[in-house]
Every structure is written in C-alpha cells, then in structure tokens.
C-alpha cells in the first residue's frame, strides 16, 4: 500500500472545513481508506497512480465549490520491500515509546 498525505487549500478562504468535508465525502464515495488530521488528510491506496487520481479529483472539486486559486501539497510514502499500513507505522512508534 502507498500512504499519502495531502493538503488542499483554496487560497483566500478563512475557513476550510466545508471544503475538507467535501473531500472526505469524495473519499468515502470512492471507498478510499483515510485518516483526517487537524492539518492534513492521509490516504492509503494500492498505487501512486490511484493517489494522484483521487487527489486530482479533490483538487478540481475546490474550483467547482467556488475557489479561484488552489494550492495542493502531496507527500508520498511508497515502501515496496514490505506491506505497510497507516496503523503499522503508528504502532511501531508507540511500541518504542512504551519500551517494547
């Protein structure tokens, strides 16, 4: 699995929650596993191509919602030597925090 963090910001907006809500609805419609954080959205998809497809759709959605300018940032974790999921990464850190 590919784990991807992305941030889409319709520039000039004070509140982004209505935009983020629409992105979350898109992810749910598409069946994409996601984790919403206070500063970004993280998705888990089979390929980088899948990630870019859904992020492109979310980016374009901002314009349909009335944004005139949009900034999108993407960070990709594509590990191919073994299968990793979002939870695995968090669990690995927490085990070390607890001395495991």
Protein backbone atom coordinates (compact mmCIF):
# COMPACT_ATOMS: atom_id res chain seq x y z
CA UNK A 1 0.00 0.00 0.00
CA UNK A 2 1.00 3.57 -0.64
CA UNK A 3 0.43 6.06 2.18
CA UNK A 4 -0.10 9.61 1.03
CA UNK A 5 -0.57 12.82 2.96
CA UNK A 6 -2.13 15.73 1.15
CA UNK A 7 -3.27 19.26 1.87
CA UNK A 8 -5.59 21.18 -0.42
CA UNK A 9 -6.02 24.86 0.35
CA UNK A 10 -8.44 27.11 -1.53
CA UNK A 11 -6.45 30.33 -1.19
CA UNK A 12 -8.22 33.36 0.19
CA UNK A 13 -10.66 31.38 2.34
CA UNK A 14 -10.82 31.91 6.10
CA UNK A 15 -12.48 28.63 6.99
CA UNK A 16 -11.67 25.40 5.18
CA UNK A 17 -14.00 22.96 6.93
CA UNK A 18 -16.68 22.99 4.21
CA UNK A 19 -14.02 22.19 1.61
CA UNK A 20 -12.47 19.45 3.73
CA UNK A 21 -15.91 17.94 4.33
CA UNK A 22 -16.44 17.63 0.59
CA UNK A 23 -13.07 15.91 0.17
CA UNK A 24 -13.97 13.45 2.94
CA UNK A 25 -17.30 12.72 1.22
CA UNK A 26 -15.38 12.07 -2.02
CA UNK A 27 -13.01 9.65 -0.27
CA UNK A 28 -15.93 7.81 1.32
CA UNK A 29 -17.79 7.56 -2.01
CA UNK A 30 -14.67 6.09 -3.61
CA UNK A 31 -14.03 3.70 -0.73
CA UNK A 32 -10.59 5.17 -0.01
CA UNK A 33 -9.23 4.48 3.46
CA UNK A 34 -8.37 7.81 5.05
CA UNK A 35 -7.34 9.48 8.27
CA UNK A 36 -8.29 13.09 8.83
CA UNK A 37 -5.88 15.11 10.95
CA UNK A 38 -6.11 18.73 12.09
CA UNK A 39 -3.66 19.78 9.37
CA UNK A 40 -3.98 17.28 6.51
CA UNK A 41 -5.63 14.17 5.17
CA UNK A 42 -3.82 10.84 4.86
CA UNK A 43 -4.96 8.14 2.47
CA UNK A 44 -3.94 4.54 1.91
CA UNK A 45 -4.22 3.30 -1.68
CA UNK A 46 -2.70 0.49 -3.75
CA UNK A 47 -0.63 2.68 -6.10
CA UNK A 48 0.76 6.18 -6.54
CA UNK A 49 -1.41 6.45 -9.64
CA UNK A 50 -4.52 5.80 -7.51
CA UNK A 51 -3.39 8.50 -5.09
CA UNK A 52 -2.86 11.08 -7.79
CA UNK A 53 -6.22 10.28 -9.37
CA UNK A 54 -8.19 10.88 -6.18
CA UNK A 55 -6.12 13.93 -5.20
CA UNK A 56 -6.60 15.43 -8.66
CA UNK A 57 -10.35 14.94 -8.33
CA UNK A 58 -10.32 16.60 -4.90
CA UNK A 59 -8.19 19.47 -6.22
CA UNK A 60 -10.59 20.08 -9.11
CA UNK A 61 -13.54 19.90 -6.72
CA UNK A 62 -12.27 23.05 -4.99
CA UNK A 63 -12.86 25.04 -8.18
CA UNK A 64 -16.35 23.58 -8.55
CA UNK A 65 -17.02 24.76 -5.00
CA UNK A 66 -16.08 28.32 -5.94
CA UNK A 67 -12.36 28.61 -5.24
CA UNK A 68 -10.45 30.81 -7.66
CA UNK A 69 -6.98 29.62 -6.66
CA UNK A 70 -5.95 26.33 -5.04
CA UNK A 71 -2.66 25.13 -3.56
CA UNK A 72 -2.18 21.37 -3.14
CA UNK A 73 0.74 19.71 -1.36
CA UNK A 74 1.38 15.95 -1.56
CA UNK A 75 3.78 13.71 0.41
CA UNK A 76 4.13 10.04 -0.55
CA UNK A 77 5.43 7.04 1.40
CA UNK A 78 5.83 4.24 -1.15
CA UNK A 79 7.58 1.33 0.57
CA UNK A 80 7.95 -1.73 -1.63
CA UNK A 81 10.07 -4.10 0.44
CA UNK A 82 7.13 -4.99 2.69
CA UNK A 83 3.45 -4.26 3.05
CA UNK A 84 2.76 -1.39 5.48
CA UNK A 85 -0.47 0.26 6.55
CA UNK A 86 -1.09 3.54 8.35
CA UNK A 87 -1.74 1.74 11.63
CA UNK A 88 1.52 -0.21 11.34
CA UNK A 89 3.57 2.97 11.26
CA UNK A 90 1.85 4.41 14.32
CA UNK A 91 2.03 1.12 16.20
CA UNK A 92 5.77 0.83 15.54
CA UNK A 93 6.40 4.23 17.10
CA UNK A 94 4.10 3.62 20.06
CA UNK A 95 5.83 0.31 20.85
CA UNK A 96 9.13 2.18 21.07
CA UNK A 97 7.56 4.88 23.26
CA UNK A 98 6.35 2.20 25.65
CA UNK A 99 9.71 0.45 25.67
CA UNK A 100 8.62 -2.51 23.54
